[in-house]
């Protein structure tokens, strides 16, 4: 893709937008960054933009940045069918996503992971396996650093010098995949598909179709990894031209796949390299939760295909405690364990969190509803939750979905919820923040929510 001297508008002033603008600017495009938010809401991110070479239009006038554009690049959070973007397309101007832009300039093999839950943990594990094996890898995408930053580093590399990366490991979301055209990962996986983002998609079928785009450009020399325990994912095996691999913790049949990573009793074993290899026992892993067994099996598949040693994989699994805000143990106080799962922003994430904890639970949930079916939580809450403390806009909807469950308690703030749970929980029990909702009614994002929870827990008297 030659963008030199083109007028390119980047819509969406978050990490991805700034990364795309920096890459385009280096490649010689005339770049304008646009965002519908006002400047005072964007102070922190605007400080990262070189205003001497990149124009910025924000607030009510942001759509004017689309006039005269030769190419438009959108950040993942920007809806693809905004009227303003449709008018651009009607003029014959291409609209692509930041991931698609970046992929045109990445020089190392791309290994990509999508799915409703577990993406960040899986991608982080893959990066750690590569690092432990002495391989140079970029880890980012929807997680952390934008893919465009890896592309910029790649195009800036001096001729004759070693490539900056041997592998580019990317977490990719359905939003990013919607706007891809030629994105071509060497290894691609869908970890799972459950109801999420129904405020953006007309149906679960549309959501699945967006996820399946990850396989669209794969060829016979590539690998496609499927969760064989997830009916929606397993049904997509015919959608790829790559070598089909699988993973399963339930003992699902592995027929029709070239190799699989499975849970055999307590032992994780794999045949993805053409022979049976024993990885580790569940008890050897520091991560908690059955869903993390799935994440580990997927990550192990990537690591071995990328040439990581089993010794390196085992070393990481023995030491990796998990990501911040994902079943993160914050503190044990008076025999009560406090766990931060603020990243649990949908119903299925909460179900997996509840499944992974054996002790009685005080669950703090609620926030901004994303169209989730909270009634799916009722059975697990009745079985596992001693007290349900509800916060945020969706509190009433969640309580209504619990039927006659009489252990619901409202809390006006997260502080109130933490203090209530701390008073009521008994030794041997767990206080779990796993909201099943977005955070934007009360917090900047799920990280802000999780960090406030941790600060409140750490502030409790001994």
Protein backbone atom coordinates (compact mmCIF):
# COMPACT_ATOMS: atom_id res chain seq x y z
CA UNK A 1 0.00 0.00 0.00
CA UNK A 2 1.55 3.29 -1.14
CA UNK A 3 0.20 6.19 0.89
CA UNK A 4 2.87 8.77 0.08
CA UNK A 5 1.30 12.20 -0.49
CA UNK A 6 -2.24 10.88 0.03
CA UNK A 7 -4.62 12.84 2.25
CA UNK A 8 -5.49 10.31 4.95
CA UNK A 9 -7.98 10.91 7.75
CA UNK A 10 -7.72 8.74 10.86
CA UNK A 11 -10.98 8.63 12.84
CA UNK A 12 -10.75 7.82 16.54
CA UNK A 13 -8.18 9.38 18.82
CA UNK A 14 -7.25 6.41 21.01
CA UNK A 15 -4.11 4.23 21.01
CA UNK A 16 -4.93 2.71 17.63
CA UNK A 17 -5.68 6.05 16.01
CA UNK A 18 -2.48 7.66 17.24
CA UNK A 19 -0.48 4.60 16.17
CA UNK A 20 -2.01 4.70 12.69
CA UNK A 21 -1.33 8.43 12.38
CA UNK A 22 2.32 7.98 13.37
CA UNK A 23 2.78 5.18 10.84
CA UNK A 24 1.08 7.10 8.04
CA UNK A 25 3.07 10.22 8.80
CA UNK A 26 6.33 8.28 8.57
CA UNK A 27 5.20 6.82 5.23
CA UNK A 28 4.72 10.29 3.77
CA UNK A 29 0.94 10.68 3.95
CA UNK A 30 -0.73 13.98 4.84
CA UNK A 31 -2.51 12.94 8.00
CA UNK A 32 -5.47 14.39 9.88
CA UNK A 33 -6.65 12.87 13.16
CA UNK A 34 -10.37 13.31 13.84
CA UNK A 35 -12.57 12.55 16.85
CA UNK A 36 -16.10 13.59 17.80
CA UNK A 37 -15.02 14.17 21.42
CA UNK A 38 -14.04 17.68 22.50
CA UNK A 39 -10.40 18.63 23.05
CA UNK A 40 -10.74 18.76 26.84
CA UNK A 41 -11.75 15.09 26.84
CA UNK A 42 -8.68 14.16 24.80
CA UNK A 43 -5.94 16.06 26.60
CA UNK A 44 -3.87 13.01 27.54
CA UNK A 45 -3.97 11.37 24.12
CA UNK A 46 -3.42 14.65 22.25
CA UNK A 47 -0.16 15.11 24.16
CA UNK A 48 1.16 12.08 22.24
CA UNK A 49 0.51 13.64 18.83
CA UNK A 50 3.12 15.66 16.94
CA UNK A 51 0.90 18.57 15.94
CA UNK A 52 3.63 20.02 13.71
CA UNK A 53 3.16 17.21 11.17
CA UNK A 54 -0.28 15.76 11.99
CA UNK A 55 -3.42 17.87 11.80
CA UNK A 56 -6.15 17.40 14.41
CA UNK A 57 -9.87 18.12 14.13
CA UNK A 58 -12.03 17.30 17.13
CA UNK A 59 -15.49 18.06 18.46
CA UNK A 60 -18.38 19.28 16.36
CA UNK A 61 -16.18 19.91 13.32
CA UNK A 62 -14.58 16.47 13.19
CA UNK A 63 -16.57 15.33 10.13
CA UNK A 64 -14.99 18.11 8.07
CA UNK A 65 -11.74 16.13 8.26
CA UNK A 66 -13.34 13.55 5.95
CA UNK A 67 -13.80 16.06 3.13
CA UNK A 68 -11.15 15.57 0.51
CA UNK A 69 -9.70 12.43 2.11
CA UNK A 70 -8.13 9.90 -0.27
CA UNK A 71 -8.23 7.18 2.39
CA UNK A 72 -9.93 6.86 5.78
CA UNK A 73 -8.58 4.70 8.60
CA UNK A 74 -10.83 4.03 11.60
CA UNK A 75 -10.05 2.94 15.13
CA UNK A 76 -11.79 -0.21 16.46
CA UNK A 77 -14.25 1.71 18.63
CA UNK A 78 -15.64 3.67 15.67
CA UNK A 79 -18.84 2.08 14.27
CA UNK A 80 -18.21 1.04 10.68
CA UNK A 81 -21.54 2.29 9.33
CA UNK A 82 -21.66 5.86 10.60
CA UNK A 83 -23.48 8.09 8.15
CA UNK A 84 -20.33 10.16 7.74
CA UNK A 85 -18.34 7.08 6.72
CA UNK A 86 -21.07 5.90 4.35
CA UNK A 87 -20.91 9.27 2.61
CA UNK A 88 -17.15 8.81 2.22
CA UNK A 89 -17.67 5.36 0.69
CA UNK A 90 -20.28 6.79 -1.68
CA UNK A 91 -17.52 9.03 -3.08
CA UNK A 92 -15.45 5.92 -3.82
CA UNK A 93 -13.03 6.45 -0.93
CA UNK A 94 -11.79 3.34 0.88
CA UNK A 95 -12.44 2.99 4.60
CA UNK A 96 -10.19 0.49 6.39
CA UNK A 97 -9.33 -0.27 9.99
CA UNK A 98 -6.08 0.36 11.84
CA UNK A 99 -5.35 -3.39 11.95
CA UNK A 100 -5.63 -3.68 8.18
CA UNK A 101 -3.35 -0.68 7.69
CA UNK A 102 -0.73 -2.07 10.06
CA UNK A 103 -0.84 -5.55 8.54
CA UNK A 104 0.30 -4.17 5.17
CA UNK A 105 3.63 -3.11 6.70
CA UNK A 106 4.41 -5.94 9.15
CA UNK A 107 7.40 -7.96 8.03
CA UNK A 108 7.35 -10.81 10.59
CA UNK A 109 4.82 -13.67 10.68
CA UNK A 110 1.60 -12.60 12.40
CA UNK A 111 -0.01 -14.91 14.95
CA UNK A 112 -3.45 -13.66 15.97
CA UNK A 113 -6.06 -14.58 18.58
CA UNK A 114 -9.71 -13.61 18.77
CA UNK A 115 -12.67 -14.76 20.87
CA UNK A 116 -15.13 -13.29 23.32
CA UNK A 117 -13.11 -14.10 26.44
CA UNK A 118 -9.52 -15.05 27.22
CA UNK A 119 -7.80 -13.21 24.37
CA UNK A 120 -5.55 -11.06 26.52
CA UNK A 121 -4.39 -13.91 28.76
CA UNK A 122 -3.69 -16.16 25.77
CA UNK A 123 -1.77 -13.51 23.84
CA UNK A 124 0.26 -12.59 26.92
CA UNK A 125 1.16 -16.25 27.47
CA UNK A 126 2.26 -16.65 23.84
CA UNK A 127 4.51 -13.61 24.20
CA UNK A 128 6.01 -14.98 27.41
CA UNK A 129 6.65 -18.40 25.81
CA UNK A 130 8.50 -16.66 22.95
CA UNK A 131 10.46 -14.43 25.30
CA UNK A 132 11.45 -17.37 27.53
CA UNK A 133 12.64 -19.17 24.37
CA UNK A 134 14.85 -16.22 23.38
CA UNK A 135 12.72 -15.11 20.43
CA UNK A 136 12.03 -11.47 19.54
CA UNK A 137 8.30 -10.82 19.58
CA UNK A 138 5.91 -7.89 19.51
CA UNK A 139 2.82 -8.43 21.66
CA UNK A 140 -0.14 -6.09 21.29
CA UNK A 141 -3.05 -5.21 19.03
CA UNK A 142 -6.32 -4.90 20.93
CA UNK A 143 -4.20 -5.56 24.02
CA UNK A 144 -1.82 -2.75 24.96
CA UNK A 145 0.22 -1.38 22.06
CA UNK A 146 -1.42 -0.84 18.68
CA UNK A 147 -0.33 -3.04 15.78
CA UNK A 148 0.65 0.13 13.90
CA UNK A 149 3.48 0.66 16.36
CA UNK A 150 4.94 -2.73 15.37
CA UNK A 151 4.52 -1.78 11.71
CA UNK A 152 6.28 1.55 12.30
CA UNK A 153 9.21 -0.19 14.01
CA UNK A 154 9.39 -2.65 11.10
CA UNK A 155 9.50 0.00 8.37
CA UNK A 156 12.03 2.06 10.34
CA UNK A 157 14.44 -0.89 10.62
CA UNK A 158 17.67 -0.25 8.77
CA UNK A 159 18.44 -2.35 5.70
CA UNK A 160 20.83 -5.17 6.52
CA UNK A 161 20.09 -5.12 10.24
CA UNK A 162 18.27 -7.90 12.07
CA UNK A 163 14.50 -7.69 11.82
CA UNK A 164 13.07 -6.14 14.99
CA UNK A 165 10.64 -9.02 15.47
CA UNK A 166 10.59 -12.72 14.67
CA UNK A 167 6.87 -12.88 15.44
CA UNK A 168 4.06 -10.36 15.81
CA UNK A 169 1.51 -11.61 18.37
CA UNK A 170 -1.82 -9.81 18.12
CA UNK A 171 -5.03 -9.83 20.10
CA UNK A 172 -7.74 -8.90 17.61
CA UNK A 173 -11.36 -8.00 18.31
CA UNK A 174 -14.44 -8.44 16.18
CA UNK A 175 -14.49 -4.66 15.73
CA UNK A 176 -10.98 -4.76 14.23
CA UNK A 177 -11.77 -7.74 12.01
CA UNK A 178 -14.83 -6.03 10.51
CA UNK A 179 -12.59 -3.66 8.56
CA UNK A 180 -9.93 -6.07 7.31
CA UNK A 181 -9.35 -6.90 3.65
CA UNK A 182 -6.00 -8.67 3.34
CA UNK A 183 -5.10 -9.32 7.01
CA UNK A 184 -3.32 -12.68 6.92
CA UNK A 185 -2.17 -14.35 10.14
CA UNK A 186 0.09 -17.39 9.92
CA UNK A 187 -1.65 -18.84 12.99
CA UNK A 188 -5.20 -17.77 13.86
CA UNK A 189 -7.62 -18.91 16.55
CA UNK A 190 -11.11 -18.29 17.83
CA UNK A 191 -11.06 -19.15 21.53
CA UNK A 192 -14.83 -19.01 22.08
CA UNK A 193 -17.92 -17.11 20.98
CA UNK A 194 -20.55 -16.10 23.50
CA UNK A 195 -23.14 -13.34 23.56
CA UNK A 196 -21.36 -10.00 23.78
CA UNK A 197 -21.53 -6.63 22.05
CA UNK A 198 -25.18 -7.17 21.18
CA UNK A 199 -25.43 -3.40 21.33
CA UNK A 200 -23.30 -3.35 18.15
CA UNK A 201 -24.40 -6.46 16.24
CA UNK A 202 -27.88 -7.25 14.93
CA UNK A 203 -27.53 -10.94 15.81
CA UNK A 204 -25.11 -13.47 17.26
CA UNK A 205 -24.65 -14.76 13.70
CA UNK A 206 -23.29 -11.36 12.65
CA UNK A 207 -20.94 -11.40 15.63
CA UNK A 208 -19.70 -14.91 14.76
CA UNK A 209 -19.20 -13.87 11.13
CA UNK A 210 -17.03 -10.95 12.23
CA UNK A 211 -14.88 -13.27 14.34
CA UNK A 212 -14.57 -15.81 11.50
CA UNK A 213 -13.00 -13.14 9.30
CA UNK A 214 -9.71 -13.98 11.04
CA UNK A 215 -9.45 -17.06 8.77
CA UNK A 216 -10.54 -15.37 5.52
CA UNK A 217 -7.10 -14.94 3.93
CA UNK A 218 -5.33 -18.00 5.30
CA UNK A 219 -3.80 -20.48 2.88
CA UNK A 220 -2.58 -24.08 3.04
CA UNK A 221 0.66 -23.01 4.71
CA UNK A 222 -1.17 -21.50 7.69
CA UNK A 223 -2.69 -22.91 10.88
CA UNK A 224 -6.26 -22.41 12.13
CA UNK A 225 -7.02 -23.28 15.76
CA UNK A 226 -10.54 -24.00 17.02
CA UNK A 227 -12.08 -24.57 20.45
CA UNK A 228 -13.70 -27.98 19.96
CA UNK A 229 -15.81 -27.51 23.11
CA UNK A 230 -17.57 -24.46 21.67
CA UNK A 231 -20.24 -25.52 19.18
CA UNK A 232 -20.28 -22.18 17.39
CA UNK A 233 -16.50 -22.19 16.99
CA UNK A 234 -16.15 -25.86 16.05
CA UNK A 235 -18.74 -25.34 13.30
CA UNK A 236 -16.41 -22.87 11.58
CA UNK A 237 -13.74 -25.44 10.73
CA UNK A 238 -14.81 -25.46 7.09
CA UNK A 239 -14.22 -21.70 6.82
CA UNK A 240 -10.43 -21.92 6.46
CA UNK A 241 -7.91 -23.16 3.92
CA UNK A 242 -5.29 -23.52 6.67
CA UNK A 243 -4.31 -26.67 8.55
CA UNK A 244 -7.06 -27.26 11.14
CA UNK A 245 -5.98 -27.76 14.77
CA UNK A 246 -8.10 -27.98 17.91
CA UNK A 247 -8.10 -27.77 21.69
CA UNK A 248 -10.48 -29.29 24.23
CA UNK A 249 -10.67 -29.62 27.99
CA UNK A 250 -13.86 -31.71 27.98
CA UNK A 251 -12.63 -34.67 25.99
CA UNK A 252 -14.42 -33.55 22.82
CA UNK A 253 -13.66 -35.64 19.76
CA UNK A 254 -10.58 -34.50 17.87
CA UNK A 255 -11.40 -36.25 14.60
CA UNK A 256 -11.04 -34.10 11.53
CA UNK A 257 -8.16 -32.06 12.92
CA UNK A 258 -4.48 -32.43 12.12
CA UNK A 259 -3.52 -32.16 15.79
CA UNK A 260 -4.96 -31.07 19.11
CA UNK A 261 -4.09 -29.94 22.62
CA UNK A 262 -6.33 -31.58 25.22
CA UNK A 263 -6.81 -32.13 28.93
CA UNK A 264 -6.19 -35.79 29.70
CA UNK A 265 -7.29 -36.15 33.30
CA UNK A 266 -5.12 -33.57 35.04
CA UNK A 267 -2.50 -33.52 32.29
CA UNK A 268 -2.29 -31.15 29.31
CA UNK A 269 -1.02 -33.06 26.27
CA UNK A 270 -0.65 -32.08 22.62
CA UNK A 271 -0.17 -33.62 19.18
CA UNK A 272 0.11 -30.36 17.22
CA UNK A 273 3.71 -31.14 16.22
CA UNK A 274 2.79 -34.60 14.95
CA UNK A 275 3.60 -36.55 18.10
CA UNK A 276 2.23 -36.80 21.62
CA UNK A 277 3.93 -34.36 23.99
CA UNK A 278 3.12 -33.89 27.66
CA UNK A 279 3.11 -30.22 28.74
CA UNK A 280 2.23 -30.05 32.44
CA UNK A 281 -0.37 -30.89 35.05
CA UNK A 282 -3.05 -28.39 36.01
CA UNK A 283 -1.57 -28.33 39.49
CA UNK A 284 1.71 -27.07 38.00
CA UNK A 285 0.01 -23.92 36.70
CA UNK A 286 -0.17 -20.77 38.79
CA UNK A 287 -3.28 -19.56 36.94
CA UNK A 288 -6.62 -20.33 38.56
CA UNK A 289 -9.91 -21.20 36.86
CA UNK A 290 -10.94 -23.90 34.39
CA UNK A 291 -11.33 -21.31 31.62
CA UNK A 292 -7.62 -20.56 31.98
CA UNK A 293 -6.91 -24.21 31.12
CA UNK A 294 -8.43 -23.44 27.71
CA UNK A 295 -6.33 -20.30 27.37
CA UNK A 296 -3.19 -22.28 28.25
CA UNK A 297 -4.00 -25.02 25.73
CA UNK A 298 -4.45 -22.44 22.97
CA UNK A 299 -1.27 -20.58 23.91
CA UNK A 300 0.74 -23.81 24.11
CA UNK A 301 -0.32 -24.62 20.54
CA UNK A 302 1.02 -21.29 19.31
CA UNK A 303 4.21 -21.55 21.33
CA UNK A 304 5.13 -24.99 20.01
CA UNK A 305 4.33 -24.07 16.40
CA UNK A 306 6.63 -21.05 16.80
CA UNK A 307 9.47 -23.28 17.98
CA UNK A 308 9.32 -22.70 21.73
CA UNK A 309 10.71 -25.45 23.91
CA UNK A 310 8.47 -27.35 26.30
CA UNK A 311 10.89 -26.39 29.09
CA UNK A 312 10.28 -22.69 28.34
CA UNK A 313 6.51 -23.24 28.26
CA UNK A 314 6.58 -25.03 31.62
CA UNK A 315 8.71 -22.31 33.20
CA UNK A 316 6.18 -19.65 32.21
CA UNK A 317 3.18 -21.67 33.39
CA UNK A 318 4.78 -22.23 36.79
CA UNK A 319 5.30 -18.50 37.33
CA UNK A 320 2.61 -16.55 35.43
CA UNK A 321 -0.09 -15.37 37.88
CA UNK A 322 -2.50 -14.01 35.28
CA UNK A 323 -3.35 -10.54 34.03
CA UNK A 324 -4.33 -7.57 36.09
CA UNK A 325 -8.14 -7.43 36.41
CA UNK A 326 -8.61 -11.06 35.31
CA UNK A 327 -9.24 -13.22 38.41
CA UNK A 328 -6.44 -11.29 40.09
CA UNK A 329 -6.05 -12.10 43.78
CA UNK A 330 -5.79 -8.71 45.51
CA UNK A 331 -5.58 -9.53 49.18
CA UNK A 332 -6.44 -12.04 51.86
CA UNK A 333 -7.94 -10.30 54.88
CA UNK A 334 -9.25 -12.01 58.00
CA UNK A 335 -9.46 -15.28 56.07
CA UNK A 336 -11.40 -13.69 53.19
CA UNK A 337 -9.86 -13.59 49.72
CA UNK A 338 -10.62 -10.53 47.54
CA UNK A 339 -10.44 -11.16 43.76
CA UNK A 340 -10.47 -8.52 41.02
CA UNK A 341 -12.12 -9.72 37.80
CA UNK A 342 -13.07 -6.29 36.46
CA UNK A 343 -12.27 -7.57 32.96
CA UNK A 344 -15.35 -9.80 33.29
CA UNK A 345 -17.56 -7.46 31.28
CA UNK A 346 -20.06 -10.03 29.97
CA UNK A 347 -22.20 -12.86 31.29
CA UNK A 348 -19.97 -15.69 30.08
CA UNK A 349 -16.88 -14.19 31.68
CA UNK A 350 -18.72 -14.12 35.02
CA UNK A 351 -19.91 -17.70 34.58
CA UNK A 352 -16.32 -18.79 34.04
CA UNK A 353 -15.14 -16.85 37.07
CA UNK A 354 -17.81 -18.46 39.27
CA UNK A 355 -16.93 -21.88 37.87
CA UNK A 356 -13.26 -21.38 38.74
CA UNK A 357 -13.77 -20.63 42.45
CA UNK A 358 -14.70 -23.43 44.87
CA UNK A 359 -15.37 -21.32 48.00
CA UNK A 360 -18.61 -19.44 48.84
CA UNK A 361 -18.65 -16.15 46.93
CA UNK A 362 -19.78 -12.60 47.60
CA UNK A 363 -20.23 -11.32 44.05
CA UNK A 364 -20.09 -7.60 43.21
CA UNK A 365 -21.69 -7.08 39.78
CA UNK A 366 -23.34 -4.38 37.68
CA UNK A 367 -22.47 -1.44 35.49
CA UNK A 368 -23.58 -0.46 32.00
CA UNK A 369 -25.59 -3.16 30.24
CA UNK A 370 -24.19 -4.33 26.87
CA UNK A 371 -27.27 -6.32 25.96
CA UNK A 372 -26.35 -9.41 27.99
CA UNK A 373 -28.84 -12.05 29.10
CA UNK A 374 -28.42 -11.86 32.87
CA UNK A 375 -30.90 -14.69 33.44
CA UNK A 376 -28.12 -17.07 32.34
CA UNK A 377 -26.36 -16.21 35.61
CA UNK A 378 -29.25 -17.25 37.85
CA UNK A 379 -28.40 -20.94 38.27
CA UNK A 380 -24.69 -20.37 38.95
CA UNK A 381 -25.44 -17.56 41.39
CA UNK A 382 -27.96 -19.71 43.28
CA UNK A 383 -25.41 -22.52 43.51
CA UNK A 384 -22.22 -20.59 44.24
CA UNK A 385 -23.02 -17.08 45.50
CA UNK A 386 -23.73 -16.41 49.16
CA UNK A 387 -24.46 -12.72 48.55
CA UNK A 388 -24.96 -10.66 45.37
CA UNK A 389 -24.08 -6.97 45.70
CA UNK A 390 -25.29 -4.85 42.77
CA UNK A 391 -23.99 -1.49 41.55
CA UNK A 392 -24.49 0.74 38.52
CA UNK A 393 -27.13 1.22 35.85
CA UNK A 394 -27.83 -2.47 35.31
CA UNK A 395 -28.40 -3.32 38.99
CA UNK A 396 -32.18 -3.46 38.62
CA UNK A 397 -32.06 -5.60 35.49
CA UNK A 398 -29.69 -8.08 37.10
CA UNK A 399 -31.83 -8.35 40.23
CA UNK A 400 -34.97 -8.88 38.14
CA UNK A 401 -33.20 -11.67 36.24
CA UNK A 402 -32.46 -13.51 39.51
CA UNK A 403 -36.13 -14.35 40.12
CA UNK A 404 -36.85 -14.95 43.80
CA UNK A 405 -33.17 -15.13 44.80
CA UNK A 406 -33.31 -13.25 48.10
CA UNK A 407 -29.63 -12.57 48.74
CA UNK A 408 -29.33 -9.46 46.51
CA UNK A 409 -28.10 -6.26 48.12
CA UNK A 410 -27.88 -2.83 46.41
CA UNK A 411 -24.88 -0.54 46.81
CA UNK A 412 -24.74 3.07 45.66
CA UNK A 413 -20.99 3.04 45.00
CA UNK A 414 -18.16 0.57 44.62
CA UNK A 415 -16.86 1.72 47.99
CA UNK A 416 -20.19 0.84 49.59
CA UNK A 417 -20.10 -2.57 47.88
CA UNK A 418 -16.59 -3.36 49.10
CA UNK A 419 -17.35 -2.27 52.65
CA UNK A 420 -20.57 -4.30 52.70
CA UNK A 421 -18.80 -7.41 51.42
CA UNK A 422 -15.97 -6.95 53.92
CA UNK A 423 -18.47 -6.78 56.80
CA UNK A 424 -20.48 -9.81 55.72
CA UNK A 425 -17.94 -12.28 54.30
CA UNK A 426 -16.69 -15.00 56.63
CA UNK A 427 -13.28 -16.71 56.77
CA UNK A 428 -12.91 -19.16 53.89
CA UNK A 429 -15.11 -17.09 51.57
CA UNK A 430 -14.27 -14.99 48.51
CA UNK A 431 -15.28 -11.43 47.58
CA UNK A 432 -15.30 -11.33 43.77
CA UNK A 433 -15.68 -8.25 41.57
CA UNK A 434 -16.92 -9.67 38.24
CA UNK A 435 -19.40 -7.15 36.86
CA UNK A 436 -20.95 -8.78 33.72
CA UNK A 437 -21.22 -5.21 32.42
CA UNK A 438 -19.23 -2.39 30.88
CA UNK A 439 -17.78 0.19 33.25
CA UNK A 440 -18.63 3.47 31.58
CA UNK A 441 -21.54 4.43 33.82
CA UNK A 442 -19.22 4.94 36.81
CA UNK A 443 -15.60 4.56 35.62
CA UNK A 444 -13.29 5.53 32.77
CA UNK A 445 -12.86 1.87 31.74
CA UNK A 446 -12.58 -1.60 33.25
CA UNK A 447 -8.97 -0.91 34.30
CA UNK A 448 -10.09 2.15 36.25
CA UNK A 449 -12.85 0.09 37.88
CA UNK A 450 -10.40 -2.68 38.80
CA UNK A 451 -7.79 -0.32 40.20
CA UNK A 452 -10.38 1.50 42.30
CA UNK A 453 -11.55 -1.86 43.63
CA UNK A 454 -8.00 -2.83 44.54
CA UNK A 455 -7.36 0.50 46.25
CA UNK A 456 -10.56 0.12 48.30
CA UNK A 457 -9.63 -3.44 49.28
CA UNK A 458 -6.10 -2.48 50.24
CA UNK A 459 -7.54 0.40 52.28
CA UNK A 460 -9.62 -1.90 54.48
CA UNK A 461 -8.26 -2.10 58.03
CA UNK A 462 -6.26 -5.22 58.80
